[in-house]
Protein backbone atom coordinates (compact mmCIF):
# COMPACT_ATOMS: atom_id res chain seq x y z
CA MET A 1 5.42 32.07 29.60
CA THR A 2 5.22 31.50 26.40
CA ASN A 3 7.47 28.14 26.93
CA LYS A 4 5.44 27.02 29.58
CA ALA A 5 2.10 27.51 26.98
CA LEU A 6 3.93 25.93 24.49
CA ILE A 7 5.17 23.20 26.42
CA TRP A 8 1.56 22.94 28.18
CA ILE A 9 -0.12 22.57 24.54
CA LYS A 10 2.79 20.02 22.91
CA GLN A 11 1.47 17.78 25.81
CA ARG A 12 -2.26 18.16 25.63
CA TRP A 13 -2.25 18.78 21.86
CA ARG A 14 -5.35 16.02 21.41
CA LEU A 15 -7.36 18.02 23.50
CA VAL A 16 -6.65 21.53 22.32
CA THR A 17 -7.45 19.89 18.61
CA LEU A 18 -10.35 18.36 19.83
CA ILE A 19 -11.68 21.44 20.74
CA LEU A 20 -10.34 23.61 18.24
CA ILE A 21 -11.70 21.38 15.47
CA PRO A 22 -15.38 22.18 15.94
CA LEU A 23 -14.80 25.78 16.41
CA VAL A 24 -12.67 26.34 13.52
CA LEU A 25 -15.38 24.66 11.34
CA LEU A 26 -18.06 26.20 12.86
CA PRO A 27 -18.87 29.33 9.95
CA LEU A 28 -19.79 26.58 7.43
CA PRO A 29 -23.45 25.79 9.11
CA ILE A 30 -23.68 29.48 10.87
CA ILE A 31 -23.30 30.80 7.13
CA ILE A 32 -25.06 28.10 5.24
CA LYS A 33 -28.04 27.93 7.45
CA LYS A 34 -29.05 24.17 5.56
CA SER A 35 -28.64 20.58 6.66
CA GLN A 36 -26.62 19.84 3.74
CA ALA A 37 -24.17 22.48 5.58
CA ARG A 38 -24.81 20.51 8.91
CA CYS A 39 -23.92 17.41 7.27
CA GLY A 40 -20.96 18.71 5.89
CA TYR A 41 -19.58 20.27 9.13
CA ILE A 42 -20.47 17.14 11.07
CA VAL A 43 -18.69 14.73 8.15
CA LEU A 44 -15.43 17.60 8.43
CA ILE A 45 -15.19 17.20 12.33
CA LEU A 46 -15.51 13.30 12.31
CA ALA A 47 -12.79 12.90 9.26
CA LEU A 48 -10.49 15.19 10.98
CA TYR A 49 -11.12 13.13 14.29
CA TRP A 50 -10.10 10.11 12.36
CA ILE A 51 -7.11 11.57 10.39
CA PHE A 52 -5.70 13.03 13.86
CA GLU A 53 -7.18 10.43 15.83
CA VAL A 54 -7.60 13.21 19.03
CA ILE A 55 -9.95 9.94 20.49
CA PRO A 56 -10.29 6.57 19.92
CA LEU A 57 -11.13 5.32 16.14
CA PRO A 58 -14.14 3.18 17.56
CA VAL A 59 -15.32 6.02 19.70
CA THR A 60 -14.95 8.58 16.54
CA SER A 61 -17.31 6.34 14.77
CA LEU A 62 -20.26 6.18 17.62
CA LEU A 63 -20.38 10.20 17.36
CA PRO A 64 -22.82 10.15 14.44
CA LEU A 65 -25.57 8.57 16.49
CA ILE A 66 -25.26 11.58 18.88
CA LEU A 67 -24.27 14.19 16.36
CA PHE A 68 -26.79 13.38 13.31
CA PRO A 69 -29.90 13.76 15.55
CA MET A 70 -28.47 16.87 17.51
CA ALA A 71 -28.20 18.60 14.34
CA GLY A 72 -31.54 17.64 12.77
CA VAL A 73 -29.59 15.70 10.09
CA LEU A 74 -30.77 12.55 10.32
CA GLU A 75 -33.33 11.14 13.14
CA ALA A 76 -31.91 8.68 15.59
CA ASN A 77 -34.07 5.88 14.98
CA LYS A 78 -32.71 5.69 10.98
CA VAL A 79 -29.11 6.14 12.25
CA ALA A 80 -28.90 3.71 14.66
CA PRO A 81 -29.92 0.66 12.49
CA LEU A 82 -27.00 1.48 9.89
CA TYR A 83 -24.77 0.10 12.61
CA PHE A 84 -25.74 -3.74 12.76
CA GLN A 85 -26.94 -4.23 9.11
CA ASP A 86 -26.84 -7.41 7.69
CA ILE A 87 -23.58 -6.68 5.91
CA ILE A 88 -21.89 -5.57 9.35
CA ALA A 89 -23.01 -8.64 10.74
CA LEU A 90 -21.17 -10.78 8.06
CA PHE A 91 -17.92 -8.04 8.36
CA PHE A 92 -18.59 -8.74 12.08
CA GLY A 93 -18.60 -12.55 12.22
CA SER A 94 -15.47 -12.69 9.54
CA LEU A 95 -13.39 -10.20 11.73
CA ALA A 96 -14.32 -12.44 14.81
CA PHE A 97 -13.67 -15.64 12.78
CA ALA A 98 -10.11 -14.23 11.95
CA HIS A 99 -9.51 -13.19 15.57
CA ALA A 100 -10.05 -17.04 16.56
CA ILE A 101 -7.45 -18.13 14.00
CA GLU A 102 -5.29 -15.66 15.16
CA LEU A 103 -5.88 -16.21 18.80
CA VAL A 104 -5.41 -20.62 18.81
CA ASN A 105 -1.90 -19.67 16.24
CA LEU A 106 -3.38 -22.05 13.38
CA HIS A 107 -2.58 -20.02 10.59
CA ARG A 108 1.45 -20.18 11.36
CA ARG A 109 0.60 -23.84 11.46
CA ILE A 110 -0.88 -23.95 8.22
CA ALA A 111 1.89 -21.13 6.58
CA LEU A 112 5.08 -23.62 8.08
CA PHE A 113 2.90 -26.76 6.61
CA VAL A 114 2.57 -25.56 3.24
CA LEU A 115 6.39 -23.48 3.04
CA ARG A 116 7.84 -26.86 4.51
CA HIS A 117 6.61 -28.83 1.22
CA VAL A 118 7.71 -26.32 -1.39
CA GLY A 119 11.28 -25.05 -0.78
CA THR A 120 12.74 -26.84 -3.51
CA SER A 121 14.40 -23.70 -4.68
CA THR A 122 14.37 -19.82 -3.59
CA LYS A 123 12.00 -19.26 -7.07
CA TRP A 124 9.19 -21.74 -5.00
CA THR A 125 10.02 -20.86 -1.81
CA LEU A 126 8.99 -17.23 -2.90
CA GLY A 127 5.85 -18.62 -4.37
CA GLY A 128 4.64 -20.89 -1.70
CA LEU A 129 4.84 -18.11 0.96
CA MET A 130 2.84 -15.64 -1.36
CA ALA A 131 0.58 -18.00 -1.74
CA VAL A 132 0.23 -19.12 1.58
CA THR A 133 -0.25 -15.40 2.28
CA ALA A 134 -2.81 -15.13 -0.29
CA PHE A 135 -4.92 -17.62 1.39
CA LEU A 136 -4.76 -16.60 4.61
CA SER A 137 -5.76 -12.71 3.65
CA MET A 138 -8.64 -14.63 1.98
CA TRP A 139 -10.08 -14.97 5.33
CA ILE A 140 -8.67 -12.15 7.65
CA ASN A 141 -7.52 -8.50 7.51
CA ASN A 142 -4.99 -8.04 5.12
CA SER A 143 -2.54 -6.12 7.28
CA ALA A 144 -2.98 -9.14 10.14
CA ALA A 145 -1.97 -11.45 7.26
CA ALA A 146 1.08 -9.50 6.33
CA SER A 147 2.14 -9.41 9.82
CA ILE A 148 1.76 -13.10 10.30
CA MET A 149 3.72 -13.96 7.49
CA LEU A 150 6.70 -11.20 8.00
CA PRO A 151 8.32 -12.95 10.62
CA VAL A 152 8.70 -16.29 8.57
CA SER A 153 9.96 -14.57 5.49
CA LEU A 154 12.47 -13.06 7.25
CA ALA A 155 13.28 -16.22 8.84
CA ILE A 156 13.53 -17.96 5.39
CA ILE A 157 16.36 -14.88 3.96
CA ASP A 158 18.26 -15.14 7.56
CA GLU A 159 18.72 -18.91 6.94
CA LEU A 160 19.54 -18.91 3.64
CA GLU A 161 22.22 -15.85 4.54
CA ARG A 162 23.70 -17.94 7.33
CA HIS A 163 24.58 -20.75 4.92
CA GLU A 164 25.81 -19.32 2.20
CA LYS A 165 27.77 -17.55 4.51
CA ASN A 166 29.27 -20.69 6.43
CA TYR A 167 29.59 -22.35 3.25
CA SER A 168 31.78 -19.38 1.69
CA ASP A 169 33.86 -18.95 5.01
CA LYS A 170 34.43 -23.05 4.42
CA LYS A 171 35.51 -22.54 1.10
CA GLN A 172 37.82 -19.74 2.19
CA THR A 173 39.29 -21.69 4.71
CA VAL A 174 40.01 -24.96 2.17
CA LYS A 175 41.62 -22.37 -0.59
CA GLU A 176 44.17 -20.89 2.27
CA ALA A 177 44.78 -24.21 3.80
CA THR A 178 45.37 -25.52 -0.05
CA SER A 179 47.55 -22.34 -0.75
CA THR A 180 49.65 -22.49 2.60
CA VAL A 181 49.93 -26.95 1.62
CA ASN A 182 51.73 -25.90 -1.86
CA GLU A 183 54.03 -23.51 -0.26
CA VAL A 184 55.28 -25.95 2.08
CA LEU A 185 55.97 -28.62 -0.55
CA GLU A 186 58.12 -25.52 -2.11
CA ILE A 187 60.78 -26.09 0.77
CA THR A 188 63.25 -28.09 -0.95
CA GLU A 189 65.22 -31.16 0.31
CA THR A 190 68.29 -29.13 0.33
CA GLU A 191 67.30 -26.17 2.25
CA VAL A 192 66.06 -28.87 4.95
CA GLN A 193 68.99 -30.72 4.62
CA ASN A 194 71.62 -27.35 4.96
CA GLY A 195 69.66 -25.61 7.83
CA GLY A 196 67.38 -28.03 8.83
CA ILE A 197 64.82 -24.89 8.71
CA SER A 198 61.52 -25.18 9.69
CA LYS A 199 59.16 -22.51 7.45
CA GLU A 200 56.81 -20.54 9.29
CA VAL A 201 53.10 -21.03 7.15
CA ILE A 202 49.59 -20.36 7.66
CA LEU A 203 47.30 -23.26 8.87
CA ASP A 204 44.77 -24.17 11.46
CA ALA A 205 46.45 -26.96 12.01
CA SER A 206 49.05 -27.61 14.66
CA GLN A 207 51.96 -28.85 12.49
CA ILE A 208 52.41 -30.02 8.83
CA GLU A 209 55.09 -32.44 7.62
CA GLU A 210 56.99 -31.81 4.57
CA PRO A 211 56.01 -34.90 2.45
CA ASN A 212 59.82 -36.10 1.21
CA THR A 213 61.84 -35.47 4.21
CA GLY A 214 59.06 -35.94 7.27
CA VAL A 215 60.54 -32.91 8.60
CA PRO A 216 58.21 -31.12 10.95
CA VAL A 217 56.65 -27.64 9.44
CA GLU A 218 55.71 -25.26 12.24
CA VAL A 219 52.61 -23.31 12.09
CA LYS A 220 52.29 -20.19 13.97
CA GLN A 221 50.11 -17.31 12.62
CA ARG A 222 48.00 -17.23 9.77
CA PHE A 223 48.46 -14.49 7.13
CA ARG A 224 46.31 -13.59 4.68
CA SER A 225 47.95 -11.49 1.17
CA PRO A 226 46.50 -8.06 0.64
CA TRP A 227 44.78 -9.33 -2.67
CA GLN A 228 43.29 -12.21 -0.67
CA LYS A 229 41.74 -9.91 2.04
CA GLN A 230 40.48 -7.74 -1.02
CA GLY A 231 38.80 -10.40 -2.83
CA GLN A 232 37.30 -11.65 0.32
CA LEU A 233 35.76 -8.55 1.04
CA LYS A 234 34.17 -8.33 -2.59
CA VAL A 235 33.01 -11.49 -1.83
CA GLU A 236 31.38 -10.50 1.08
CA LYS A 237 29.87 -7.01 -0.34
CA THR A 238 28.31 -9.13 -3.01
CA HIS A 239 27.03 -11.80 -0.63
CA GLU A 240 25.60 -8.87 1.23
CA LYS A 241 23.74 -7.08 -1.92
CA LYS A 242 22.49 -10.24 -3.17
CA TYR A 243 20.57 -10.52 0.16
CA GLU A 244 19.36 -7.40 0.57
CA GLU A 245 17.56 -7.66 -2.53
CA LEU A 246 16.38 -10.79 -1.93
CA ARG A 247 14.76 -9.76 1.34
CA LYS A 248 13.53 -6.70 -0.39
CA CYS A 249 12.01 -9.29 -2.63
CA PHE A 250 10.28 -11.42 0.12
CA LEU A 251 8.62 -8.21 1.94
CA LEU A 252 7.13 -6.92 -1.01
CA ALA A 253 6.28 -10.16 -2.09
CA THR A 254 4.48 -10.59 1.55
CA ALA A 255 2.76 -6.97 1.81
CA TYR A 256 1.65 -7.42 -2.03
CA SER A 257 0.44 -10.73 -1.70
CA ALA A 258 -1.55 -9.93 1.29
CA THR A 259 -3.47 -7.41 -0.99
CA ILE A 260 -4.27 -9.61 -3.31
CA GLY A 261 -5.68 -12.33 -1.24
CA GLY A 262 -7.65 -9.36 0.17
CA LEU A 263 -9.79 -9.11 -3.19
CA ALA A 264 -10.22 -12.50 -3.64
CA SER A 265 -13.15 -13.68 -1.90
CA LEU A 266 -16.00 -11.26 -0.49
CA VAL A 267 -15.09 -11.30 3.26
CA GLY A 268 -11.00 -10.77 2.17
CA THR A 269 -11.32 -7.28 2.71
CA GLY A 270 -13.94 -4.11 4.13
CA PRO A 271 -14.59 -2.66 0.82
CA ASN A 272 -15.83 -5.83 -0.75
CA VAL A 273 -18.35 -6.68 2.00
CA PHE A 274 -19.30 -2.89 1.35
CA VAL A 275 -19.84 -3.01 -2.30
CA LYS A 276 -22.34 -5.94 -1.61
CA GLY A 277 -24.39 -4.04 0.96
CA PHE A 278 -24.65 -1.19 -1.83
CA ILE A 279 -25.48 -3.31 -4.52
CA ASP A 280 -28.58 -5.18 -2.17
CA SER A 281 -29.61 -1.85 -1.44
CA THR A 282 -29.67 -0.04 -4.38
CA TYR A 283 -30.68 -3.20 -6.74
CA LYS A 284 -33.17 -4.88 -4.46
CA GLY A 285 -36.32 -6.51 -5.53
CA THR A 286 -34.07 -7.28 -8.69
CA ASN A 287 -32.54 -10.52 -9.89
CA PHE A 288 -29.23 -8.78 -9.61
CA ASN A 289 -27.22 -9.80 -6.50
CA VAL A 290 -23.95 -10.67 -5.26
CA ASN A 291 -23.51 -13.42 -3.03
CA PHE A 292 -20.35 -15.28 -1.81
CA LEU A 293 -20.17 -18.31 -4.90
CA ASN A 294 -20.50 -15.24 -8.02
CA PHE A 295 -17.82 -13.12 -6.14
CA LEU A 296 -15.42 -15.62 -5.66
CA LEU A 297 -16.06 -17.13 -9.14
CA PHE A 298 -15.54 -13.43 -10.23
CA ALA A 299 -12.27 -12.27 -8.46
CA LEU A 300 -10.57 -15.99 -7.26
CA PRO A 301 -9.19 -16.02 -11.07
CA VAL A 302 -8.35 -12.63 -11.22
CA GLY A 303 -6.27 -13.11 -7.78
CA ILE A 304 -4.72 -16.04 -9.03
CA ILE A 305 -3.73 -14.02 -12.27
CA MET A 306 -2.75 -11.21 -10.39
CA LEU A 307 -0.52 -13.29 -7.83
CA ILE A 308 1.51 -15.31 -10.43
CA LEU A 309 2.23 -11.87 -12.20
CA CYS A 310 3.28 -10.24 -9.49
CA TRP A 311 5.77 -13.33 -8.57
CA LEU A 312 7.41 -13.08 -12.00
CA TRP A 313 7.34 -9.66 -11.39
CA LEU A 314 9.78 -9.89 -8.18
CA GLN A 315 11.52 -12.62 -9.67
CA ILE A 316 12.57 -10.56 -12.41
CA LEU A 317 13.15 -7.80 -10.60
CA TYR A 318 14.99 -8.97 -7.47
CA SER A 319 16.23 -12.75 -8.65
CA ARG A 320 16.16 -13.21 -12.40
CA GLN A 321 19.35 -15.39 -12.21
CA ASP A 322 17.08 -17.83 -10.40
CA LEU A 323 13.78 -17.59 -12.69
CA PHE A 324 15.37 -19.80 -15.30
CA LYS A 325 17.93 -21.80 -13.58
CA CYS A 326 16.75 -25.27 -14.38
CA ARG A 327 19.22 -27.14 -11.96
CA THR A 328 19.65 -26.69 -8.56
CA ASP A 329 23.81 -25.89 -7.25
CA PRO A 330 24.87 -28.10 -4.64
CA GLU A 331 25.64 -25.19 -2.77
CA ASP A 332 22.04 -23.92 -2.74
CA ARG A 333 20.58 -27.67 -2.49
CA GLU A 334 22.60 -27.78 1.03
CA ALA A 335 20.93 -23.74 1.76
CA LEU A 336 17.74 -25.32 0.99
CA ALA A 337 17.83 -28.64 2.68
CA ASP A 338 19.16 -26.62 6.00
CA LEU A 339 15.98 -24.03 5.49
CA LYS A 340 13.54 -26.84 5.19
CA ALA A 341 15.27 -28.59 8.36
CA MET A 342 14.43 -25.39 9.84
CA LEU A 343 11.02 -24.49 8.37
CA ILE A 344 10.36 -28.71 10.46
CA LYS A 345 11.83 -27.61 13.12
CA GLN A 346 9.41 -24.34 13.70
CA TYR A 347 6.59 -26.70 12.77
CA ASN A 348 7.57 -29.40 14.92
CA ASP A 349 8.08 -26.74 17.61
CA LEU A 350 4.25 -25.75 17.77
CA GLY A 351 3.59 -29.39 19.05
CA LYS A 352 0.63 -31.54 17.98
CA PRO A 353 -2.57 -29.81 16.91
CA ASN A 354 -5.46 -29.34 20.14
CA TRP A 355 -8.40 -29.58 20.65
CA SER A 356 -8.98 -25.47 19.90
CA GLU A 357 -7.13 -25.76 16.25
CA TYR A 358 -8.79 -28.62 15.46
CA THR A 359 -12.10 -27.03 16.41
CA ILE A 360 -11.48 -24.07 14.73
CA GLY A 361 -10.31 -25.83 11.23
CA ILE A 362 -13.56 -27.93 10.99
CA ILE A 363 -15.59 -24.46 11.79
CA PHE A 364 -13.71 -23.22 8.89
CA ILE A 365 -14.19 -25.94 6.71
CA ILE A 366 -17.69 -25.99 7.46
CA MET A 367 -18.29 -22.23 7.16
CA ILE A 368 -16.81 -22.07 3.78
CA ILE A 369 -18.88 -24.61 2.42
CA LEU A 370 -21.92 -22.96 3.56
CA TRP A 371 -21.22 -19.75 2.26
CA VAL A 372 -20.37 -21.49 -1.26
CA THR A 373 -23.46 -23.51 -1.21
CA ARG A 374 -25.93 -21.11 -0.21
CA GLU A 375 -27.78 -20.20 -3.59
CA PHE A 376 -26.35 -20.50 -7.51
CA GLY A 377 -27.15 -17.88 -9.27
CA GLU A 378 -31.14 -18.17 -9.77
CA THR A 379 -30.46 -21.69 -8.55
CA HIS A 380 -31.27 -22.40 -4.80
CA GLY A 381 -28.67 -23.97 -2.27
CA TRP A 382 -29.58 -24.71 1.29
CA ASP A 383 -31.62 -20.99 1.43
CA ILE A 384 -34.62 -22.49 -0.19
CA ILE A 385 -35.10 -23.71 4.03
CA PHE A 386 -35.63 -19.99 4.77
CA GLU A 387 -38.31 -17.71 4.30
CA LYS A 388 -37.71 -15.10 1.35
CA GLY A 389 -37.20 -11.60 2.20
CA TYR A 390 -36.39 -12.50 6.12
CA TYR A 391 -32.68 -13.13 5.33
CA GLN A 392 -29.81 -11.35 3.14
């Protein structure tokens, strides 16, 4: 019976939690008969519902519309307008536009376009990746920007690793072939004349001729001495470690730059928008206000400085040998050429920009221009055409 009950609870834990949370917290409003206690009771219920996600988050966010009037904390006609203030409309509009960018795949086109032009070395590829992620994060959700760029960053590392592995294998093959040819050349003329011996050696070719006599030396199998095998394993481990560190570097760079980009514009992340709402309500009727332009002038330089410092720190932490390297090795040049070809191929696979992408791109530019030119501090912009007090 006990086991059945536990299985039932495990299967329906959300329902059990949904019912238990209000019951466990019920003593709070019963013992303390004040509106503050009733408000605290509702806030705790909402917080725990959000934490455990016993019901969908949007449903939880609508519960205050019912619970506050029921508990006598706040009237319904005061709660309802808070759900669609002008600041919420701004946030909703920016989210809708971000979804439109993702829907037409414009974000990926922008990312690949920039990355294929900055990939002259690993450090600049990292810098380009961070710059694109931060730029996208200025206009769309941080998580969305990071999720967009993560596959791109992993593809870059995989391509570099694949090329270096191929290059290393090629070098090893050439080295073994050279070593084998040297062995062949050690066959003396006397040995060949006495026994007509053909010495078995290791090459990929089917036959090789001894230079002096023209006697064919048959190739039957490949052999590596223990020190060769050990050296090869050591090189492979070094490569694996190098790219494991580089992969960490690129993944952290994507996450950090998405966060930094989010703070650089007013619509970059939710807290920025709500700070504007708080200032507008707290300092209403004064000259102190936050608009898109003055927020951008304040936050964008800070974001750029943080992005550069983050790039430097990640380079020092994970790839310091590349940071101060002025000349690119032939191997690296070849790898980066392959990387660029891969990025160009991915960009070309998107095809030509369609009507939707052009439309969203034009709206994007117009929207930024309107945000920036609405007002310039105490000087009016295009907002002068509206009657004061009827807009925020």
